[in-house]
Amino acid sequence: MDTTYYLYARDLLLRPMATELWGVTSASSPSSLYRFEGPTRIDEIDGHDQTNISCATDLAESANGNLLAMSCSNELQELSTDSRPLKLLGAHPTLPSESARAMGR
C-alpha cells in the first residue's frame, strides 16, 4: 500500500520561514496558507476562516521570524505563527494599491 501524501502544488508559492516551509495559493481567492511540518503533516489556514490572510499572494519572514503577508487593504501584516488563528502583531500601511489608484483613492 502506498502511503505517500501528495499535495497538488500548482499555483502554490513555497517560502522557507525559519525552520518551516510555508506555502500560499497564488491564483485563488480567497487565498489559503499551508504550513509544511515534515513530509507527512500539512496544516491549511483557509482564507474563508481567517480573513486577514484572504488576499495574500506571497509571504516573507520578518526580522523577528514572524510571517509577513499583505492584507486586502494593502497593509503589510506581521503575524505570529504560534497560534491558530494566526495572531496579528501589527499592520503597516504601504503604497496605495493599483485598484485604489484607479478609483481615485
N, C-alpha and C. Protein backbone atom coordinates (compact mmCIF):
# COMPACT_ATOMS: atom_id res chain seq x y z
N MET A 1 0.84 -1.17 0.00
CA MET A 1 0.00 0.00 0.00
C MET A 1 0.89 1.24 0.00
N ASP A 2 0.60 2.18 -0.90
CA ASP A 2 1.36 3.43 -0.98
C ASP A 2 0.74 4.42 -0.01
N THR A 3 1.53 4.86 0.98
CA THR A 3 1.02 5.81 1.97
C THR A 3 1.60 7.20 1.77
N THR A 4 2.20 7.46 0.62
CA THR A 4 2.78 8.76 0.34
C THR A 4 1.66 9.79 0.20
N TYR A 5 1.85 10.94 0.85
CA TYR A 5 0.88 12.03 0.77
C TYR A 5 1.30 12.96 -0.35
N TYR A 6 0.41 13.23 -1.26
CA TYR A 6 0.70 14.14 -2.37
C TYR A 6 -0.11 15.42 -2.22
N LEU A 7 0.52 16.54 -2.48
CA LEU A 7 -0.16 17.83 -2.49
C LEU A 7 -0.05 18.39 -3.90
N TYR A 8 -1.17 18.74 -4.47
CA TYR A 8 -1.18 19.33 -5.79
C TYR A 8 -0.64 20.75 -5.65
N ALA A 9 0.56 21.00 -6.14
CA ALA A 9 1.28 22.25 -5.85
C ALA A 9 1.15 23.30 -6.95
N ARG A 10 0.24 23.12 -7.88
CA ARG A 10 0.07 24.12 -8.92
C ARG A 10 -0.42 25.43 -8.29
N ASP A 11 0.20 26.53 -8.70
CA ASP A 11 -0.14 27.86 -8.19
C ASP A 11 0.10 28.01 -6.70
N LEU A 12 1.00 27.24 -6.15
CA LEU A 12 1.36 27.34 -4.75
C LEU A 12 2.79 27.86 -4.66
N LEU A 13 2.96 29.04 -4.05
CA LEU A 13 4.29 29.60 -3.84
C LEU A 13 4.83 29.08 -2.52
N LEU A 14 6.01 28.49 -2.54
CA LEU A 14 6.63 27.94 -1.34
C LEU A 14 7.70 28.89 -0.83
N ARG A 15 7.69 29.11 0.49
CA ARG A 15 8.64 30.03 1.11
C ARG A 15 9.19 29.42 2.40
N PRO A 16 10.52 29.33 2.52
CA PRO A 16 11.09 28.86 3.79
C PRO A 16 11.01 29.98 4.84
N MET A 17 10.58 29.64 6.02
CA MET A 17 10.49 30.58 7.14
C MET A 17 11.11 29.91 8.35
N ALA A 18 12.22 30.44 8.79
CA ALA A 18 12.94 29.86 9.94
C ALA A 18 13.17 28.38 9.67
N THR A 19 12.57 27.52 10.46
CA THR A 19 12.77 26.07 10.30
C THR A 19 11.60 25.39 9.61
N GLU A 20 10.67 26.16 9.06
CA GLU A 20 9.47 25.59 8.44
C GLU A 20 9.37 25.99 6.98
N LEU A 21 8.52 25.28 6.28
CA LEU A 21 8.20 25.63 4.90
C LEU A 21 6.74 26.04 4.87
N TRP A 22 6.47 27.21 4.27
CA TRP A 22 5.12 27.73 4.14
C TRP A 22 4.78 27.85 2.67
N GLY A 23 3.50 27.78 2.36
CA GLY A 23 3.02 27.98 1.01
C GLY A 23 1.79 28.86 1.02
N VAL A 24 1.59 29.57 -0.09
CA VAL A 24 0.40 30.41 -0.24
C VAL A 24 -0.15 30.17 -1.64
N THR A 25 -1.46 30.07 -1.73
CA THR A 25 -2.07 29.93 -3.04
C THR A 25 -1.95 31.26 -3.76
N SER A 26 -1.52 31.21 -5.01
CA SER A 26 -1.28 32.46 -5.74
C SER A 26 -2.32 32.76 -6.80
N ALA A 27 -3.23 31.85 -7.03
CA ALA A 27 -4.21 32.06 -8.09
C ALA A 27 -5.63 31.73 -7.66
N SER A 28 -5.89 31.79 -6.36
CA SER A 28 -7.25 31.53 -5.90
C SER A 28 -7.68 32.63 -4.96
N SER A 29 -8.96 32.79 -4.83
CA SER A 29 -9.49 33.81 -3.94
C SER A 29 -10.66 33.21 -3.17
N PRO A 30 -10.65 33.25 -1.86
CA PRO A 30 -9.59 33.80 -1.04
C PRO A 30 -8.37 32.88 -1.00
N SER A 31 -7.25 33.44 -0.62
CA SER A 31 -6.01 32.68 -0.50
C SER A 31 -6.07 31.73 0.69
N SER A 32 -5.24 30.73 0.64
CA SER A 32 -5.03 29.83 1.78
C SER A 32 -3.53 29.74 2.02
N LEU A 33 -3.16 29.54 3.28
CA LEU A 33 -1.76 29.33 3.64
C LEU A 33 -1.59 27.87 4.03
N TYR A 34 -0.41 27.34 3.77
CA TYR A 34 -0.09 25.96 4.13
C TYR A 34 1.22 25.96 4.91
N ARG A 35 1.23 25.22 5.99
CA ARG A 35 2.42 25.06 6.82
C ARG A 35 2.84 23.59 6.71
N PHE A 36 4.03 23.36 6.19
CA PHE A 36 4.54 22.01 5.99
C PHE A 36 5.43 21.64 7.17
N GLU A 37 5.05 20.60 7.87
CA GLU A 37 5.84 20.13 9.01
C GLU A 37 6.28 18.70 8.69
N GLY A 38 7.43 18.61 8.06
CA GLY A 38 7.93 17.31 7.65
C GLY A 38 7.18 16.81 6.42
N PRO A 39 7.46 15.60 6.00
CA PRO A 39 6.85 15.10 4.77
C PRO A 39 5.42 14.61 4.91
N THR A 40 4.90 14.52 6.14
CA THR A 40 3.58 13.93 6.31
C THR A 40 2.53 14.85 6.91
N ARG A 41 2.92 16.01 7.41
CA ARG A 41 1.92 16.90 8.03
C ARG A 41 1.87 18.22 7.29
N ILE A 42 0.68 18.57 6.83
CA ILE A 42 0.44 19.85 6.17
C ILE A 42 -0.79 20.47 6.80
N ASP A 43 -0.61 21.64 7.40
CA ASP A 43 -1.73 22.37 8.00
C ASP A 43 -2.20 23.43 7.03
N GLU A 44 -3.51 23.52 6.82
CA GLU A 44 -4.08 24.55 5.96
C GLU A 44 -4.74 25.61 6.82
N ILE A 45 -4.49 26.87 6.48
CA ILE A 45 -5.17 28.00 7.10
C ILE A 45 -5.97 28.64 5.98
N ASP A 46 -7.25 28.46 6.02
CA ASP A 46 -8.16 28.85 4.94
C ASP A 46 -8.52 30.32 5.05
N GLY A 47 -8.43 31.04 3.93
CA GLY A 47 -8.80 32.45 3.90
C GLY A 47 -10.27 32.70 4.16
N HIS A 48 -11.11 31.67 4.00
CA HIS A 48 -12.53 31.80 4.37
C HIS A 48 -12.67 31.91 5.88
N ASP A 49 -11.79 31.21 6.60
CA ASP A 49 -11.87 31.18 8.06
C ASP A 49 -11.07 32.30 8.72
N GLN A 50 -10.00 32.74 8.07
CA GLN A 50 -9.16 33.82 8.62
C GLN A 50 -9.02 34.88 7.54
N THR A 51 -9.88 35.90 7.61
CA THR A 51 -9.97 36.88 6.53
C THR A 51 -8.73 37.75 6.37
N ASN A 52 -7.90 37.90 7.41
CA ASN A 52 -6.73 38.76 7.25
C ASN A 52 -5.66 38.14 6.36
N ILE A 53 -5.80 36.88 5.96
CA ILE A 53 -4.87 36.29 5.00
C ILE A 53 -5.55 35.99 3.67
N SER A 54 -6.79 36.39 3.53
CA SER A 54 -7.56 36.01 2.34
C SER A 54 -7.08 36.67 1.05
N CYS A 55 -6.30 37.74 1.13
CA CYS A 55 -5.77 38.41 -0.06
C CYS A 55 -4.28 38.20 -0.24
N ALA A 56 -3.66 37.39 0.59
CA ALA A 56 -2.21 37.16 0.50
C ALA A 56 -1.87 36.48 -0.82
N THR A 57 -0.85 36.99 -1.50
CA THR A 57 -0.39 36.36 -2.74
C THR A 57 1.07 35.94 -2.64
N ASP A 58 1.73 36.32 -1.56
CA ASP A 58 3.11 35.92 -1.31
C ASP A 58 3.37 36.06 0.18
N LEU A 59 4.45 35.48 0.64
CA LEU A 59 4.82 35.51 2.05
C LEU A 59 6.28 35.90 2.20
N ALA A 60 6.61 36.42 3.36
CA ALA A 60 8.01 36.72 3.69
C ALA A 60 8.16 36.53 5.19
N GLU A 61 9.40 36.58 5.64
CA GLU A 61 9.70 36.43 7.05
C GLU A 61 10.20 37.76 7.60
N SER A 62 9.65 38.17 8.74
CA SER A 62 10.10 39.41 9.37
C SER A 62 11.44 39.20 10.05
N ALA A 63 12.05 40.29 10.48
CA ALA A 63 13.32 40.21 11.21
C ALA A 63 13.16 39.43 12.51
N ASN A 64 11.95 39.40 13.05
CA ASN A 64 11.66 38.67 14.28
C ASN A 64 11.28 37.22 14.03
N GLY A 65 11.28 36.79 12.77
CA GLY A 65 10.94 35.41 12.44
C GLY A 65 9.46 35.15 12.29
N ASN A 66 8.67 36.22 12.23
CA ASN A 66 7.22 36.07 12.05
C ASN A 66 6.86 36.11 10.57
N LEU A 67 5.65 35.72 10.28
CA LEU A 67 5.14 35.70 8.93
C LEU A 67 4.71 37.10 8.50
N LEU A 68 5.05 37.49 7.28
CA LEU A 68 4.59 38.76 6.69
C LEU A 68 3.69 38.44 5.51
N ALA A 69 2.53 39.09 5.46
CA ALA A 69 1.58 38.90 4.36
C ALA A 69 0.80 40.19 4.16
N MET A 70 0.41 40.44 2.93
CA MET A 70 -0.39 41.63 2.63
C MET A 70 -1.86 41.38 2.97
N SER A 71 -2.51 42.43 3.46
CA SER A 71 -3.94 42.37 3.75
C SER A 71 -4.72 42.83 2.52
N CYS A 72 -6.03 42.68 2.57
CA CYS A 72 -6.88 43.14 1.48
C CYS A 72 -6.88 44.66 1.36
N SER A 73 -6.51 45.36 2.44
CA SER A 73 -6.44 46.82 2.40
C SER A 73 -5.01 47.30 2.13
N ASN A 74 -4.18 46.40 1.60
CA ASN A 74 -2.82 46.72 1.17
C ASN A 74 -1.91 47.14 2.32
N GLU A 75 -2.10 46.51 3.48
CA GLU A 75 -1.21 46.72 4.61
C GLU A 75 -0.31 45.50 4.74
N LEU A 76 0.93 45.73 5.12
CA LEU A 76 1.85 44.64 5.39
C LEU A 76 1.62 44.19 6.83
N GLN A 77 1.16 42.96 6.97
CA GLN A 77 0.81 42.43 8.29
C GLN A 77 1.92 41.52 8.81
N GLU A 78 2.21 41.66 10.09
CA GLU A 78 3.11 40.73 10.75
C GLU A 78 2.25 39.81 11.61
N LEU A 79 2.37 38.51 11.37
CA LEU A 79 1.51 37.52 12.01
C LEU A 79 2.33 36.51 12.80
N SER A 80 1.88 36.20 14.00
CA SER A 80 2.52 35.16 14.80
C SER A 80 2.00 33.81 14.35
N THR A 81 2.90 32.88 14.14
CA THR A 81 2.50 31.54 13.69
C THR A 81 2.37 30.57 14.85
N ASP A 82 2.48 31.07 16.08
CA ASP A 82 2.42 30.20 17.26
C ASP A 82 1.01 29.85 17.69
N SER A 83 0.00 30.43 17.05
CA SER A 83 -1.38 30.17 17.48
C SER A 83 -2.28 30.02 16.26
N ARG A 84 -3.45 29.44 16.47
CA ARG A 84 -4.49 29.37 15.45
C ARG A 84 -5.73 29.99 16.05
N PRO A 85 -6.34 30.96 15.44
CA PRO A 85 -5.93 31.59 14.20
C PRO A 85 -4.62 32.35 14.38
N LEU A 86 -3.99 32.67 13.24
CA LEU A 86 -2.75 33.44 13.29
C LEU A 86 -3.03 34.77 13.99
N LYS A 87 -2.15 35.17 14.89
CA LYS A 87 -2.34 36.40 15.66
C LYS A 87 -1.68 37.56 14.94
N LEU A 88 -2.44 38.63 14.74
CA LEU A 88 -1.93 39.85 14.12
C LEU A 88 -1.09 40.61 15.14
N LEU A 89 0.19 40.79 14.83
CA LEU A 89 1.10 41.52 15.72
C LEU A 89 1.20 42.99 15.35
N GLY A 90 0.94 43.29 14.08
CA GLY A 90 1.00 44.67 13.62
C GLY A 90 0.70 44.74 12.15
N ALA A 91 0.23 45.91 11.72
CA ALA A 91 -0.05 46.15 10.31
C ALA A 91 0.53 47.51 9.94
N HIS A 92 1.19 47.55 8.80
CA HIS A 92 1.88 48.76 8.36
C HIS A 92 1.38 49.18 6.98
N PRO A 93 0.93 50.42 6.83
CA PRO A 93 0.44 50.86 5.52
C PRO A 93 1.56 50.83 4.48
N THR A 94 1.18 50.58 3.27
CA THR A 94 2.11 50.59 2.14
C THR A 94 1.60 51.60 1.12
N LEU A 95 2.18 51.60 -0.04
CA LEU A 95 1.69 52.47 -1.10
C LEU A 95 0.29 52.06 -1.50
N PRO A 96 -0.53 52.99 -2.01
CA PRO A 96 -1.87 52.62 -2.45
C PRO A 96 -1.82 51.53 -3.52
N SER A 97 -2.79 50.63 -3.47
CA SER A 97 -2.85 49.56 -4.46
C SER A 97 -3.23 50.12 -5.82
N GLU A 98 -2.97 49.36 -6.85
CA GLU A 98 -3.33 49.78 -8.21
C GLU A 98 -4.83 50.01 -8.34
N SER A 99 -5.63 49.14 -7.72
CA SER A 99 -7.08 49.31 -7.83
C SER A 99 -7.55 50.57 -7.11
N ALA A 100 -6.92 50.91 -5.98
CA ALA A 100 -7.28 52.13 -5.26
C ALA A 100 -6.91 53.36 -6.06
N ARG A 101 -5.75 53.34 -6.72
CA ARG A 101 -5.35 54.47 -7.54
C ARG A 101 -6.28 54.66 -8.72
N ALA A 102 -6.72 53.55 -9.30
CA ALA A 102 -7.63 53.61 -10.45
C ALA A 102 -8.97 54.21 -10.04
N MET A 103 -9.35 54.03 -8.77
CA MET A 103 -10.62 54.55 -8.29
C MET A 103 -10.46 55.94 -7.70
N GLY A 104 -9.26 56.51 -7.75
CA GLY A 104 -9.04 57.86 -7.26
C GLY A 104 -8.88 57.97 -5.77
N ARG A 105 -8.56 56.86 -5.07
CA ARG A 105 -8.37 56.90 -3.62
C ARG A 105 -6.93 57.10 -3.27
